[in-house]
């Protein structure tokens, strides 16, 4: 076990909803997330479409036809790809900004690409759960303006729309907050715009409560989808939720691309999975090693994704791959990425 040092990730404290998504973008890997309604063309569908039998069967049909996949492989692929598109923005926002976007499918669109995989998420609402310490609430403002932002001292903030920060509420005669007050923030003042608000669902007091909200949002969004997928293939709950858990674990580890901390994502993931089981019992485990003098964390999935039925090869994170082989593969993968490469 590699000891963890300086593993606490400090939130970047960005301004509005769109700025939050831009801050976590490097950790979304080959996917991305946007704020607002996308153009109706170009493969975008409402997340609620996958709750209809016709929509779900159509998505599975694309995967089966494109990859010559069995029903089980198609369901496994769809579960992993869709889950990654949902949990990626939520997990990275939680770790890096201490904000949790609302994952109600009625307010989300996803983009389906050739072959049936999803590469983008659009949040059509700007609803987020934040912390009492969030800069959107703590930026210094005149008393009369502060009274508009917080209903009562120490009390929860519910269903209120805030500008990107208190800076947007300043009269012309009042200057913006001193950026020195936000040593860990990104986007002050350049990132602050009045058209990038946040609709605060709730402001919570501690990280544990915010983490519980993250768990409930992820499970609440994906549980009905997995229930609809379950009868369509001979895959149990452990396999389906294992696919979700793998995407959650990967999202946590990818936060290192923004935080620069090689341990924080793993520790945050451990705390998340402790709160999310059940149903995320088949969680990934970690493979820690040192490569070229630097600590890395790789992942062993808790269930098989069945990719070997299409590619004739087990993926690196597969539970059927021996630890030594996995580490060798990860070392090669790190070297191919160049500076900043991760074992993910």
C-alpha atoms as a PDB file:
ATOM      1  CA  UNK A   1       0.000   0.000   0.000  1.00  0.00           C
ATOM      2  CA  UNK A   2       1.375   3.390  -1.004  1.00  0.00           C
ATOM      3  CA  UNK A   3       0.915   5.909   1.820  1.00  0.00           C
ATOM      4  CA  UNK A   4      -1.393   8.813   1.116  1.00  0.00           C
ATOM      5  CA  UNK A   5       0.025  12.264   1.590  1.00  0.00           C
ATOM      6  CA  UNK A   6      -1.769  15.554   1.133  1.00  0.00           C
ATOM      7  CA  UNK A   7      -4.746  13.621  -0.132  1.00  0.00           C
ATOM      8  CA  UNK A   8      -7.456  16.166   0.595  1.00  0.00           C
ATOM      9  CA  UNK A   9      -8.734  17.763  -2.593  1.00  0.00           C
ATOM     10  CA  UNK A  10      -9.556  21.430  -2.093  1.00  0.00           C
ATOM     11  CA  UNK A  11     -12.515  22.640  -4.153  1.00  0.00           C
ATOM     12  CA  UNK A  12     -11.728  24.954  -7.013  1.00  0.00           C
ATOM     13  CA  UNK A  13     -14.749  27.092  -6.134  1.00  0.00           C
ATOM     14  CA  UNK A  14     -15.829  28.115  -9.608  1.00  0.00           C
ATOM     15  CA  UNK A  15     -18.518  30.618 -10.350  1.00  0.00           C
ATOM     16  CA  UNK A  16     -21.531  29.300 -12.274  1.00  0.00           C
ATOM     17  CA  UNK A  17     -22.909  25.996 -13.548  1.00  0.00           C
ATOM     18  CA  UNK A  18     -21.168  26.181 -16.900  1.00  0.00           C
ATOM     19  CA  UNK A  19     -17.911  27.217 -15.267  1.00  0.00           C
ATOM     20  CA  UNK A  20     -18.157  24.211 -12.983  1.00  0.00           C
ATOM     21  CA  UNK A  21     -18.422  21.885 -15.969  1.00  0.00           C
ATOM     22  CA  UNK A  22     -15.512  23.585 -17.706  1.00  0.00           C
ATOM     23  CA  UNK A  23     -13.379  23.187 -14.595  1.00  0.00           C
ATOM     24  CA  UNK A  24     -13.851  19.420 -14.510  1.00  0.00           C
ATOM     25  CA  UNK A  25     -13.600  18.942 -18.286  1.00  0.00           C
ATOM     26  CA  UNK A  26     -10.040  17.522 -18.309  1.00  0.00           C
ATOM     27  CA  UNK A  27     -11.182  14.773 -15.942  1.00  0.00           C
ATOM     28  CA  UNK A  28     -13.986  13.659 -18.270  1.00  0.00           C
ATOM     29  CA  UNK A  29     -11.459  12.053 -20.588  1.00  0.00           C
ATOM     30  CA  UNK A  30     -12.964  11.593 -24.075  1.00  0.00           C
ATOM     31  CA  UNK A  31     -16.410  12.764 -22.970  1.00  0.00           C
ATOM     32  CA  UNK A  32     -17.665  16.250 -22.231  1.00  0.00           C
ATOM     33  CA  UNK A  33     -20.546  18.027 -20.512  1.00  0.00           C
ATOM     34  CA  UNK A  34     -22.350  21.268 -21.303  1.00  0.00           C
ATOM     35  CA  UNK A  35     -24.872  23.524 -19.596  1.00  0.00           C
ATOM     36  CA  UNK A  36     -28.038  24.280 -21.530  1.00  0.00           C
ATOM     37  CA  UNK A  37     -30.189  22.638 -24.156  1.00  0.00           C
ATOM     38  CA  UNK A  38     -28.261  21.168 -27.096  1.00  0.00           C
ATOM     39  CA  UNK A  39     -29.271  21.328 -30.725  1.00  0.00           C
ATOM     40  CA  UNK A  40     -31.897  18.658 -31.382  1.00  0.00           C
ATOM     41  CA  UNK A  41     -29.835  17.099 -34.163  1.00  0.00           C
ATOM     42  CA  UNK A  42     -26.408  15.493 -33.977  1.00  0.00           C
ATOM     43  CA  UNK A  43     -27.428  12.441 -31.982  1.00  0.00           C
ATOM     44  CA  UNK A  44     -28.791  14.135 -28.866  1.00  0.00           C
ATOM     45  CA  UNK A  45     -31.612  12.355 -27.064  1.00  0.00           C
ATOM     46  CA  UNK A  46     -33.401  13.057 -23.810  1.00  0.00           C
ATOM     47  CA  UNK A  47     -32.352  10.769 -20.984  1.00  0.00           C
ATOM     48  CA  UNK A  48     -36.018   9.955 -20.472  1.00  0.00           C
ATOM     49  CA  UNK A  49     -36.073   8.337 -23.926  1.00  0.00           C
ATOM     50  CA  UNK A  50     -34.104   5.415 -22.495  1.00  0.00           C
ATOM     51  CA  UNK A  51     -36.908   4.816 -20.006  1.00  0.00           C
ATOM     52  CA  UNK A  52     -39.283   3.874 -22.800  1.00  0.00           C
ATOM     53  CA  UNK A  53     -39.163   0.274 -24.073  1.00  0.00           C
ATOM     54  CA  UNK A  54     -38.870   1.475 -27.670  1.00  0.00           C
ATOM     55  CA  UNK A  55     -36.032   3.878 -26.889  1.00  0.00           C
ATOM     56  CA  UNK A  56     -34.099   1.322 -24.874  1.00  0.00           C
ATOM     57  CA  UNK A  57     -34.518  -1.401 -27.484  1.00  0.00           C
ATOM     58  CA  UNK A  58     -33.413   0.976 -30.233  1.00  0.00           C
ATOM     59  CA  UNK A  59     -30.234   1.856 -28.328  1.00  0.00           C
ATOM     60  CA  UNK A  60     -29.469  -1.814 -27.708  1.00  0.00           C
ATOM     61  CA  UNK A  61     -30.142  -2.608 -31.353  1.00  0.00           C
ATOM     62  CA  UNK A  62     -27.502  -0.119 -32.503  1.00  0.00           C
ATOM     63  CA  UNK A  63     -24.905  -1.781 -30.278  1.00  0.00           C
ATOM     64  CA  UNK A  64     -25.854  -5.304 -31.337  1.00  0.00           C
ATOM     65  CA  UNK A  65     -25.716  -4.466 -35.038  1.00  0.00           C
ATOM     66  CA  UNK A  66     -22.541  -2.391 -34.972  1.00  0.00           C
ATOM     67  CA  UNK A  67     -20.509  -4.722 -32.768  1.00  0.00           C
ATOM     68  CA  UNK A  68     -22.122  -8.032 -33.754  1.00  0.00           C
ATOM     69  CA  UNK A  69     -22.828  -8.413 -30.057  1.00  0.00           C
ATOM     70  CA  UNK A  70     -25.046 -10.757 -28.104  1.00  0.00           C
ATOM     71  CA  UNK A  71     -27.865  -9.455 -25.938  1.00  0.00           C
ATOM     72  CA  UNK A  72     -25.651  -9.773 -22.862  1.00  0.00           C
ATOM     73  CA  UNK A  73     -22.760  -7.823 -24.396  1.00  0.00           C
ATOM     74  CA  UNK A  74     -25.111  -5.131 -25.714  1.00  0.00           C
ATOM     75  CA  UNK A  75     -26.674  -4.647 -22.282  1.00  0.00           C
ATOM     76  CA  UNK A  76     -23.249  -4.605 -20.625  1.00  0.00           C
ATOM     77  CA  UNK A  77     -21.919  -2.042 -23.101  1.00  0.00           C
ATOM     78  CA  UNK A  78     -24.986   0.185 -22.825  1.00  0.00           C
ATOM     79  CA  UNK A  79     -24.855   0.082 -19.036  1.00  0.00           C
ATOM     80  CA  UNK A  80     -21.193   1.095 -18.927  1.00  0.00           C
ATOM     81  CA  UNK A  81     -21.353   3.740 -21.643  1.00  0.00           C
ATOM     82  CA  UNK A  82     -24.512   5.387 -20.374  1.00  0.00           C
ATOM     83  CA  UNK A  83     -23.372   5.243 -16.750  1.00  0.00           C
ATOM     84  CA  UNK A  84     -20.068   6.910 -17.658  1.00  0.00           C
ATOM     85  CA  UNK A  85     -21.936   9.797 -19.255  1.00  0.00           C
ATOM     86  CA  UNK A  86     -24.057  10.310 -16.148  1.00  0.00           C
ATOM     87  CA  UNK A  87     -21.628   9.660 -13.299  1.00  0.00           C
ATOM     88  CA  UNK A  88     -18.586  11.348 -14.847  1.00  0.00           C
ATOM     89  CA  UNK A  89     -19.771  14.968 -14.512  1.00  0.00           C
ATOM     90  CA  UNK A  90     -21.365  14.274 -11.122  1.00  0.00           C
ATOM     91  CA  UNK A  91     -18.351  12.555  -9.546  1.00  0.00           C
ATOM     92  CA  UNK A  92     -15.803  15.025 -10.874  1.00  0.00           C
ATOM     93  CA  UNK A  93     -17.899  18.029  -9.835  1.00  0.00           C
ATOM     94  CA  UNK A  94     -18.218  16.582  -6.341  1.00  0.00           C
ATOM     95  CA  UNK A  95     -14.499  15.921  -5.915  1.00  0.00           C
ATOM     96  CA  UNK A  96     -13.153  19.044  -7.596  1.00  0.00           C
ATOM     97  CA  UNK A  97     -15.767  21.715  -6.812  1.00  0.00           C
ATOM     98  CA  UNK A  98     -17.808  20.262  -3.934  1.00  0.00           C
ATOM     99  CA  UNK A  99     -20.961  20.624  -5.987  1.00  0.00           C
ATOM    100  CA  UNK A 100     -23.397  17.928  -7.099  1.00  0.00           C
ATOM    101  CA  UNK A 101     -25.509  18.536 -10.215  1.00  0.00           C
ATOM    102  CA  UNK A 102     -29.095  17.387 -10.258  1.00  0.00           C
ATOM    103  CA  UNK A 103     -29.370  14.121 -12.212  1.00  0.00           C
ATOM    104  CA  UNK A 104     -33.113  14.075 -12.795  1.00  0.00           C
ATOM    105  CA  UNK A 105     -33.397  12.483 -16.260  1.00  0.00           C
ATOM    106  CA  UNK A 106     -36.091  15.007 -17.173  1.00  0.00           C
ATOM    107  CA  UNK A 107     -33.392  17.682 -17.237  1.00  0.00           C
ATOM    108  CA  UNK A 108     -30.602  15.770 -18.998  1.00  0.00           C
ATOM    109  CA  UNK A 109     -29.776  14.983 -22.613  1.00  0.00           C
ATOM    110  CA  UNK A 110     -27.065  12.615 -23.817  1.00  0.00           C
ATOM    111  CA  UNK A 111     -25.432  12.298 -27.217  1.00  0.00           C
ATOM    112  CA  UNK A 112     -25.254   8.918 -28.899  1.00  0.00           C
ATOM    113  CA  UNK A 113     -22.473   8.357 -31.413  1.00  0.00           C
ATOM    114  CA  UNK A 114     -21.759   5.744 -34.047  1.00  0.00           C
ATOM    115  CA  UNK A 115     -21.704   2.298 -32.512  1.00  0.00           C
ATOM    116  CA  UNK A 116     -24.061   3.241 -29.692  1.00  0.00           C
ATOM    117  CA  UNK A 117     -21.686   4.804 -27.192  1.00  0.00           C
ATOM    118  CA  UNK A 118     -22.416   8.114 -25.473  1.00  0.00           C
ATOM    119  CA  UNK A 119     -19.883  10.935 -25.520  1.00  0.00           C
ATOM    120  CA  UNK A 120     -21.606  13.981 -24.047  1.00  0.00           C
ATOM    121  CA  UNK A 121     -24.032  15.127 -21.373  1.00  0.00           C
ATOM    122  CA  UNK A 122     -26.175  18.258 -21.486  1.00  0.00           C
ATOM    123  CA  UNK A 123     -27.679  19.622 -18.291  1.00  0.00           C
ATOM    124  CA  UNK A 124     -30.776  21.498 -19.399  1.00  0.00           C
ATOM    125  CA  UNK A 125     -31.358  22.800 -15.875  1.00  0.00           C
ATOM    126  CA  UNK A 126     -28.750  24.425 -13.643  1.00  0.00           C
ATOM    127  CA  UNK A 127     -29.784  22.746 -10.421  1.00  0.00           C
ATOM    128  CA  UNK A 128     -27.011  21.903  -7.964  1.00  0.00           C
ATOM    129  CA  UNK A 129     -26.522  20.992  -4.352  1.00  0.00           C
ATOM    130  CA  UNK A 130     -23.672  22.982  -2.884  1.00  0.00           C
ATOM    131  CA  UNK A 131     -22.027  23.546   0.489  1.00  0.00           C
ATOM    132  CA  UNK A 132     -22.507  26.433   2.896  1.00  0.00           C
ATOM    133  CA  UNK A 133     -18.870  27.357   2.232  1.00  0.00           C
ATOM    134  CA  UNK A 134     -19.383  27.608  -1.540  1.00  0.00           C
ATOM    135  CA  UNK A 135     -18.062  30.891  -2.999  1.00  0.00           C
ATOM    136  CA  UNK A 136     -21.449  31.552  -4.558  1.00  0.00           C
ATOM    137  CA  UNK A 137     -22.709  32.070  -1.007  1.00  0.00           C
ATOM    138  CA  UNK A 138     -19.593  33.360   0.720  1.00  0.00           C
ATOM    139  CA  UNK A 139     -18.368  36.074  -1.647  1.00  0.00           C
ATOM    140  CA  UNK A 140     -18.284  39.408   0.241  1.00  0.00           C
ATOM    141  CA  UNK A 141     -21.319  41.511  -0.660  1.00  0.00           C
ATOM    142  CA  UNK A 142     -23.073  44.508   0.882  1.00  0.00           C
ATOM    143  CA  UNK A 143     -25.487  43.527   3.636  1.00  0.00           C
ATOM    144  CA  UNK A 144     -28.587  44.429   1.651  1.00  0.00           C
ATOM    145  CA  UNK A 145     -27.491  42.172  -1.204  1.00  0.00           C
ATOM    146  CA  UNK A 146     -26.427  39.342   1.086  1.00  0.00           C
ATOM    147  CA  UNK A 147     -29.913  39.329   2.597  1.00  0.00           C
ATOM    148  CA  UNK A 148     -31.305  38.522  -0.835  1.00  0.00           C
ATOM    149  CA  UNK A 149     -28.975  35.543  -1.231  1.00  0.00           C
ATOM    150  CA  UNK A 150     -29.418  33.771   2.076  1.00  0.00           C
ATOM    151  CA  UNK A 151     -32.859  33.337   3.570  1.00  0.00           C
ATOM    152  CA  UNK A 152     -31.695  33.054   7.148  1.00  0.00           C
ATOM    153  CA  UNK A 153     -28.368  32.809   8.894  1.00  0.00           C
ATOM    154  CA  UNK A 154     -27.176  29.238   9.008  1.00  0.00           C
ATOM    155  CA  UNK A 155     -30.339  27.977   7.391  1.00  0.00           C
ATOM    156  CA  UNK A 156     -30.660  25.875   4.231  1.00  0.00           C
ATOM    157  CA  UNK A 157     -31.041  27.532   0.878  1.00  0.00           C
ATOM    158  CA  UNK A 158     -33.745  25.845  -1.139  1.00  0.00           C
ATOM    159  CA  UNK A 159     -34.773  26.310  -4.775  1.00  0.00           C
ATOM    160  CA  UNK A 160     -33.214  29.731  -5.252  1.00  0.00           C
ATOM    161  CA  UNK A 161     -31.487  30.922  -8.387  1.00  0.00           C
ATOM    162  CA  UNK A 162     -28.178  32.658  -7.743  1.00  0.00           C
ATOM    163  CA  UNK A 163     -26.028  34.534 -10.206  1.00  0.00           C
ATOM    164  CA  UNK A 164     -22.657  33.073 -11.060  1.00  0.00           C
ATOM    165  CA  UNK A 165     -21.339  34.748  -7.920  1.00  0.00           C
ATOM    166  CA  UNK A 166     -22.049  37.701  -5.723  1.00  0.00           C
ATOM    167  CA  UNK A 167     -19.853  39.702  -8.111  1.00  0.00           C
ATOM    168  CA  UNK A 168     -22.742  39.796 -10.561  1.00  0.00           C
ATOM    169  CA  UNK A 169     -24.954  41.435  -7.950  1.00  0.00           C
ATOM    170  CA  UNK A 170     -22.620  44.327  -7.212  1.00  0.00           C
ATOM    171  CA  UNK A 171     -23.812  47.814  -8.184  1.00  0.00           C
ATOM    172  CA  UNK A 172     -21.540  49.586 -10.621  1.00  0.00           C
ATOM    173  CA  UNK A 173     -20.165  51.660  -7.762  1.00  0.00           C
ATOM    174  CA  UNK A 174     -18.980  48.604  -5.860  1.00  0.00           C
ATOM    175  CA  UNK A 175     -15.929  46.668  -6.945  1.00  0.00           C
ATOM    176  CA  UNK A 176     -15.702  42.898  -7.349  1.00  0.00           C
ATOM    177  CA  UNK A 177     -14.505  40.646  -4.546  1.00  0.00           C
ATOM    178  CA  UNK A 178     -10.774  40.615  -4.014  1.00  0.00           C
ATOM    179  CA  UNK A 179      -9.467  37.579  -5.903  1.00  0.00           C
ATOM    180  CA  UNK A 180      -6.953  37.071  -3.110  1.00  0.00           C
ATOM    181  CA  UNK A 181      -9.887  35.948  -0.970  1.00  0.00           C
ATOM    182  CA  UNK A 182     -10.137  32.879  -3.191  1.00  0.00           C
ATOM    183  CA  UNK A 183      -6.621  31.423  -3.418  1.00  0.00           C
ATOM    184  CA  UNK A 184      -7.931  28.066  -4.610  1.00  0.00           C
ATOM    185  CA  UNK A 185     -10.604  29.362  -6.957  1.00  0.00           C
ATOM    186  CA  UNK A 186     -10.630  29.351 -10.715  1.00  0.00           C
ATOM    187  CA  UNK A 187     -12.494  31.900 -12.790  1.00  0.00           C
ATOM    188  CA  UNK A 188     -12.436  35.005 -10.581  1.00  0.00           C
ATOM    189  CA  UNK A 189     -13.182  37.443 -12.030  1.00  0.00           C
ATOM    190  CA  UNK A 190     -12.873  36.392 -15.681  1.00  0.00           C
ATOM    191  CA  UNK A 191     -15.081  33.325 -15.257  1.00  0.00           C
ATOM    192  CA  UNK A 192     -17.943  35.251 -13.632  1.00  0.00           C
ATOM    193  CA  UNK A 193     -20.823  36.041 -15.948  1.00  0.00           C
ATOM    194  CA  UNK A 194     -24.382  36.972 -15.122  1.00  0.00           C
ATOM    195  CA  UNK A 195     -25.734  34.471 -17.640  1.00  0.00           C
ATOM    196  CA  UNK A 196     -24.136  31.460 -15.924  1.00  0.00           C
ATOM    197  CA  UNK A 197     -26.264  31.049 -12.789  1.00  0.00           C
ATOM    198  CA  UNK A 198     -26.777  28.164 -10.416  1.00  0.00           C
ATOM    199  CA  UNK A 199     -30.179  27.072  -9.165  1.00  0.00           C
ATOM    200  CA  UNK A 200     -29.354  25.968  -5.640  1.00  0.00           C
ATOM    201  CA  UNK A 201     -31.437  22.972  -4.627  1.00  0.00           C
ATOM    202  CA  UNK A 202     -29.886  22.863  -1.174  1.00  0.00           C
ATOM    203  CA  UNK A 203     -26.802  24.097   0.664  1.00  0.00           C
ATOM    204  CA  UNK A 204     -25.411  21.468   3.027  1.00  0.00           C
ATOM    205  CA  UNK A 205     -23.055  21.802   5.964  1.00  0.00           C
ATOM    206  CA  UNK A 206     -20.506  19.043   5.380  1.00  0.00           C
ATOM    207  CA  UNK A 207     -18.894  16.814   2.781  1.00  0.00           C
ATOM    208  CA  UNK A 208     -20.535  13.664   4.170  1.00  0.00           C
ATOM    209  CA  UNK A 209     -23.991  15.092   3.480  1.00  0.00           C
ATOM    210  CA  UNK A 210     -22.933  16.211   0.023  1.00  0.00           C
ATOM    211  CA  UNK A 211     -21.511  12.747  -0.669  1.00  0.00           C
ATOM    212  CA  UNK A 212     -24.817  11.182   0.365  1.00  0.00           C
ATOM    213  CA  UNK A 213     -26.529  13.462  -2.143  1.00  0.00           C
ATOM    214  CA  UNK A 214     -24.110  12.291  -4.843  1.00  0.00           C
ATOM    215  CA  UNK A 215     -24.921   8.654  -4.061  1.00  0.00           C
ATOM    216  CA  UNK A 216     -28.670   9.245  -4.085  1.00  0.00           C
ATOM    217  CA  UNK A 217     -28.498  11.166  -7.363  1.00  0.00           C
ATOM    218  CA  UNK A 218     -26.495   8.464  -9.142  1.00  0.00           C
ATOM    219  CA  UNK A 219     -28.525   5.549  -7.806  1.00  0.00           C
ATOM    220  CA  UNK A 220     -31.796   7.382  -8.342  1.00  0.00           C
ATOM    221  CA  UNK A 221     -30.993   8.066 -11.995  1.00  0.00           C
ATOM    222  CA  UNK A 222     -29.581   4.665 -12.923  1.00  0.00           C
ATOM    223  CA  UNK A 223     -31.676   2.261 -10.849  1.00  0.00           C
ATOM    224  CA  UNK A 224     -34.761   2.455 -13.129  1.00  0.00           C
ATOM    225  CA  UNK A 225     -32.595   2.060 -16.239  1.00  0.00           C
ATOM    226  CA  UNK A 226     -30.905  -1.049 -14.862  1.00  0.00           C
ATOM    227  CA  UNK A 227     -34.267  -2.451 -13.812  1.00  0.00           C
ATOM    228  CA  UNK A 228     -35.442  -2.096 -17.422  1.00  0.00           C
ATOM    229  CA  UNK A 229     -32.236  -3.659 -18.771  1.00  0.00           C
ATOM    230  CA  UNK A 230     -32.282  -6.638 -16.412  1.00  0.00           C
ATOM    231  CA  UNK A 231     -34.985  -8.645 -18.284  1.00  0.00           C
ATOM    232  CA  UNK A 232     -33.265  -8.050 -21.625  1.00  0.00           C
ATOM    233  CA  UNK A 233     -30.177 -10.165 -20.897  1.00  0.00           C
ATOM    234  CA  UNK A 234     -28.931 -12.937 -18.657  1.00  0.00           C
ATOM    235  CA  UNK A 235     -27.026 -10.570 -16.411  1.00  0.00           C
ATOM    236  CA  UNK A 236     -27.572 -10.241 -12.689  1.00  0.00           C
ATOM    237  CA  UNK A 237     -27.754  -7.137 -10.564  1.00  0.00           C
ATOM    238  CA  UNK A 238     -24.119  -7.555  -9.490  1.00  0.00           C
ATOM    239  CA  UNK A 239     -22.941  -7.460 -13.111  1.00  0.00           C
ATOM    240  CA  UNK A 240     -24.998  -4.401 -13.996  1.00  0.00           C
ATOM    241  CA  UNK A 241     -24.173  -2.436 -10.876  1.00  0.00           C
ATOM    242  CA  UNK A 242     -20.579  -3.595 -11.202  1.00  0.00           C
ATOM    243  CA  UNK A 243     -20.459  -1.824 -14.557  1.00  0.00           C
ATOM    244  CA  UNK A 244     -21.758   1.340 -12.906  1.00  0.00           C
ATOM    245  CA  UNK A 245     -19.263   1.005 -10.045  1.00  0.00           C
ATOM    246  CA  UNK A 246     -16.386   0.649 -12.503  1.00  0.00           C
ATOM    247  CA  UNK A 247     -17.351   3.894 -14.226  1.00  0.00           C
ATOM    248  CA  UNK A 248     -17.648   5.633 -10.855  1.00  0.00           C
ATOM    249  CA  UNK A 249     -14.213   4.374  -9.821  1.00  0.00           C
ATOM    250  CA  UNK A 250     -12.692   5.498 -13.098  1.00  0.00           C
ATOM    251  CA  UNK A 251     -14.245   8.950 -12.738  1.00  0.00           C
ATOM    252  CA  UNK A 252     -12.786   9.336  -9.256  1.00  0.00           C
ATOM    253  CA  UNK A 253      -9.293   8.375 -10.422  1.00  0.00           C
ATOM    254  CA  UNK A 254      -9.465  10.721 -13.410  1.00  0.00           C
ATOM    255  CA  UNK A 255      -9.866  13.720 -11.103  1.00  0.00           C
ATOM    256  CA  UNK A 256      -6.088  13.618 -10.704  1.00  0.00           C
ATOM    257  CA  UNK A 257      -5.867  15.300 -14.098  1.00  0.00           C
ATOM    258  CA  UNK A 258      -7.218  18.440 -12.449  1.00  0.00           C
ATOM    259  CA  UNK A 259      -6.199  18.085  -8.805  1.00  0.00           C
ATOM    260  CA  UNK A 260      -2.694  16.763  -9.447  1.00  0.00           C
ATOM    261  CA  UNK A 261      -3.086  14.616  -6.334  1.00  0.00           C
ATOM    262  CA  UNK A 262      -2.298  10.909  -6.944  1.00  0.00           C
ATOM    263  CA  UNK A 263      -4.229   9.741  -3.869  1.00  0.00           C
ATOM    264  CA  UNK A 264      -7.287  11.962  -3.470  1.00  0.00           C
ATOM    265  CA  UNK A 265      -9.434  10.270  -6.119  1.00  0.00           C
ATOM    266  CA  UNK A 266      -8.854   6.830  -4.640  1.00  0.00           C
ATOM    267  CA  UNK A 267      -9.664   7.968  -1.104  1.00  0.00           C
ATOM    268  CA  UNK A 268     -12.749   9.828  -2.266  1.00  0.00           C
ATOM    269  CA  UNK A 269     -13.859   6.707  -4.128  1.00  0.00           C
ATOM    270  CA  UNK A 270     -13.451   4.555  -1.023  1.00  0.00           C
ATOM    271  CA  UNK A 271     -15.664   6.911   0.967  1.00  0.00           C
ATOM    272  CA  UNK A 272     -18.209   6.958  -1.865  1.00  0.00           C
ATOM    273  CA  UNK A 273     -18.426   3.180  -2.181  1.00  0.00           C
ATOM    274  CA  UNK A 274     -18.764   2.813   1.585  1.00  0.00           C
ATOM    275  CA  UNK A 275     -21.905   4.943   1.304  1.00  0.00           C
ATOM    276  CA  UNK A 276     -23.180   3.368  -1.918  1.00  0.00           C
ATOM    277  CA  UNK A 277     -23.312  -0.319  -0.992  1.00  0.00           C
ATOM    278  CA  UNK A 278     -25.842  -1.657  -1.658  1.00  0.00           C
ATOM    279  CA  UNK A 279     -26.441  -1.474  -4.550  1.00  0.00           C
ATOM    280  CA  UNK A 280     -22.841  -0.829  -5.691  1.00  0.00           C
ATOM    281  CA  UNK A 281     -21.464  -3.926  -4.005  1.00  0.00           C
ATOM    282  CA  UNK A 282     -19.302  -5.119  -6.911  1.00  0.00           C
ATOM    283  CA  UNK A 283     -17.010  -2.122  -6.571  1.00  0.00           C
ATOM    284  CA  UNK A 284     -13.546  -1.945  -8.137  1.00  0.00           C
ATOM    285  CA  UNK A 285     -10.416  -2.514  -6.099  1.00  0.00           C
ATOM    286  CA  UNK A 286      -7.117  -0.735  -6.537  1.00  0.00           C
ATOM    287  CA  UNK A 287      -3.751  -1.781  -7.847  1.00  0.00           C
ATOM    288  CA  UNK A 288      -1.155   0.653  -6.526  1.00  0.00           C
ATOM    289  CA  UNK A 289       2.415   0.776  -7.758  1.00  0.00           C
ATOM    290  CA  UNK A 290       5.312   3.139  -8.388  1.00  0.00           C
ATOM    291  CA  UNK A 291       6.405   3.816 -11.957  1.00  0.00           C
ATOM    292  CA  UNK A 292       9.440   5.951 -12.792  1.00  0.00           C
ATOM    293  CA  UNK A 293       9.445   7.255  -9.219  1.00  0.00           C
ATOM    294  CA  UNK A 294       5.790   8.317  -9.180  1.00  0.00           C
ATOM    295  CA  UNK A 295       2.812   6.648  -7.432  1.00  0.00           C
ATOM    296  CA  UNK A 296      -0.040   5.380  -9.589  1.00  0.00           C
ATOM    297  CA  UNK A 297      -3.386   3.736  -8.928  1.00  0.00           C
ATOM    298  CA  UNK A 298      -4.875   1.264 -11.369  1.00  0.00           C
ATOM    299  CA  UNK A 299      -8.235  -0.423 -11.138  1.00  0.00           C
ATOM    300  CA  UNK A 300      -9.547  -3.981 -11.023  1.00  0.00           C
ATOM    301  CA  UNK A 301     -13.234  -4.112 -11.866  1.00  0.00           C
ATOM    302  CA  UNK A 302     -15.642  -5.903  -9.581  1.00  0.00           C
ATOM    303  CA  UNK A 303     -17.362  -7.601 -12.527  1.00  0.00           C
ATOM    304  CA  UNK A 304     -16.505  -8.479 -16.125  1.00  0.00           C
ATOM    305  CA  UNK A 305     -17.746  -6.143 -18.867  1.00  0.00           C
ATOM    306  CA  UNK A 306     -17.824  -9.015 -21.430  1.00  0.00           C
ATOM    307  CA  UNK A 307     -15.717  -7.045 -23.920  1.00  0.00           C
ATOM    308  CA  UNK A 308     -13.616 -10.163 -24.510  1.00  0.00           C
ATOM    309  CA  UNK A 309     -16.560 -11.711 -26.338  1.00  0.00           C
ATOM    310  CA  UNK A 310     -16.136  -9.061 -29.035  1.00  0.00           C
ATOM    311  CA  UNK A 311     -12.401  -8.305 -28.945  1.00  0.00           C
ATOM    312  CA  UNK A 312     -11.136 -11.789 -27.967  1.00  0.00           C
ATOM    313  CA  UNK A 313      -9.023 -10.137 -25.258  1.00  0.00           C
ATOM    314  CA  UNK A 314      -9.655  -9.293 -21.618  1.00  0.00           C
ATOM    315  CA  UNK A 315      -9.444  -5.578 -20.853  1.00  0.00           C
ATOM    316  CA  UNK A 316      -6.763  -4.382 -18.452  1.00  0.00           C
ATOM    317  CA  UNK A 317      -9.179  -3.760 -15.580  1.00  0.00           C
ATOM    318  CA  UNK A 318     -10.890  -7.139 -15.989  1.00  0.00           C
ATOM    319  CA  UNK A 319     -11.069  -9.262 -12.813  1.00  0.00           C
ATOM    320  CA  UNK A 320      -9.833 -12.221 -14.877  1.00  0.00           C
ATOM    321  CA  UNK A 321      -6.486 -10.528 -15.629  1.00  0.00           C
ATOM    322  CA  UNK A 322      -3.669 -11.423 -13.223  1.00  0.00           C
ATOM    323  CA  UNK A 323      -2.290  -8.592 -11.095  1.00  0.00           C
ATOM    324  CA  UNK A 324       1.203  -8.839 -12.597  1.00  0.00           C
ATOM    325  CA  UNK A 325      -0.100  -8.674 -16.152  1.00  0.00           C
ATOM    326  CA  UNK A 326      -2.376  -5.776 -15.260  1.00  0.00           C
ATOM    327  CA  UNK A 327       0.513  -3.804 -13.794  1.00  0.00           C
ATOM    328  CA  UNK A 328       2.680  -4.459 -16.858  1.00  0.00           C
ATOM    329  CA  UNK A 329      -0.110  -3.288 -19.136  1.00  0.00           C
ATOM    330  CA  UNK A 330      -0.660  -0.179 -17.025  1.00  0.00           C
ATOM    331  CA  UNK A 331       3.029   0.730 -17.117  1.00  0.00           C
ATOM    332  CA  UNK A 332       2.982   0.502 -20.907  1.00  0.00           C
ATOM    333  CA  UNK A 333      -0.214   2.545 -21.061  1.00  0.00           C
ATOM    334  CA  UNK A 334       1.253   5.277 -18.855  1.00  0.00           C
ATOM    335  CA  UNK A 335       4.316   5.567 -21.078  1.00  0.00           C
ATOM    336  CA  UNK A 336       2.225   5.892 -24.235  1.00  0.00           C
ATOM    337  CA  UNK A 337       0.377   8.899 -22.758  1.00  0.00           C
ATOM    338  CA  UNK A 338       3.444  11.022 -22.155  1.00  0.00           C
ATOM    339  CA  UNK A 339       3.679  13.590 -19.328  1.00  0.00           C
ATOM    340  CA  UNK A 340       0.686  13.518 -16.996  1.00  0.00           C
ATOM    341  CA  UNK A 341      -0.361  10.007 -17.976  1.00  0.00           C
ATOM    342  CA  UNK A 342      -2.519   8.048 -15.550  1.00  0.00           C
ATOM    343  CA  UNK A 343      -3.103   4.348 -14.913  1.00  0.00           C
ATOM    344  CA  UNK A 344      -6.750   4.698 -15.937  1.00  0.00           C
END
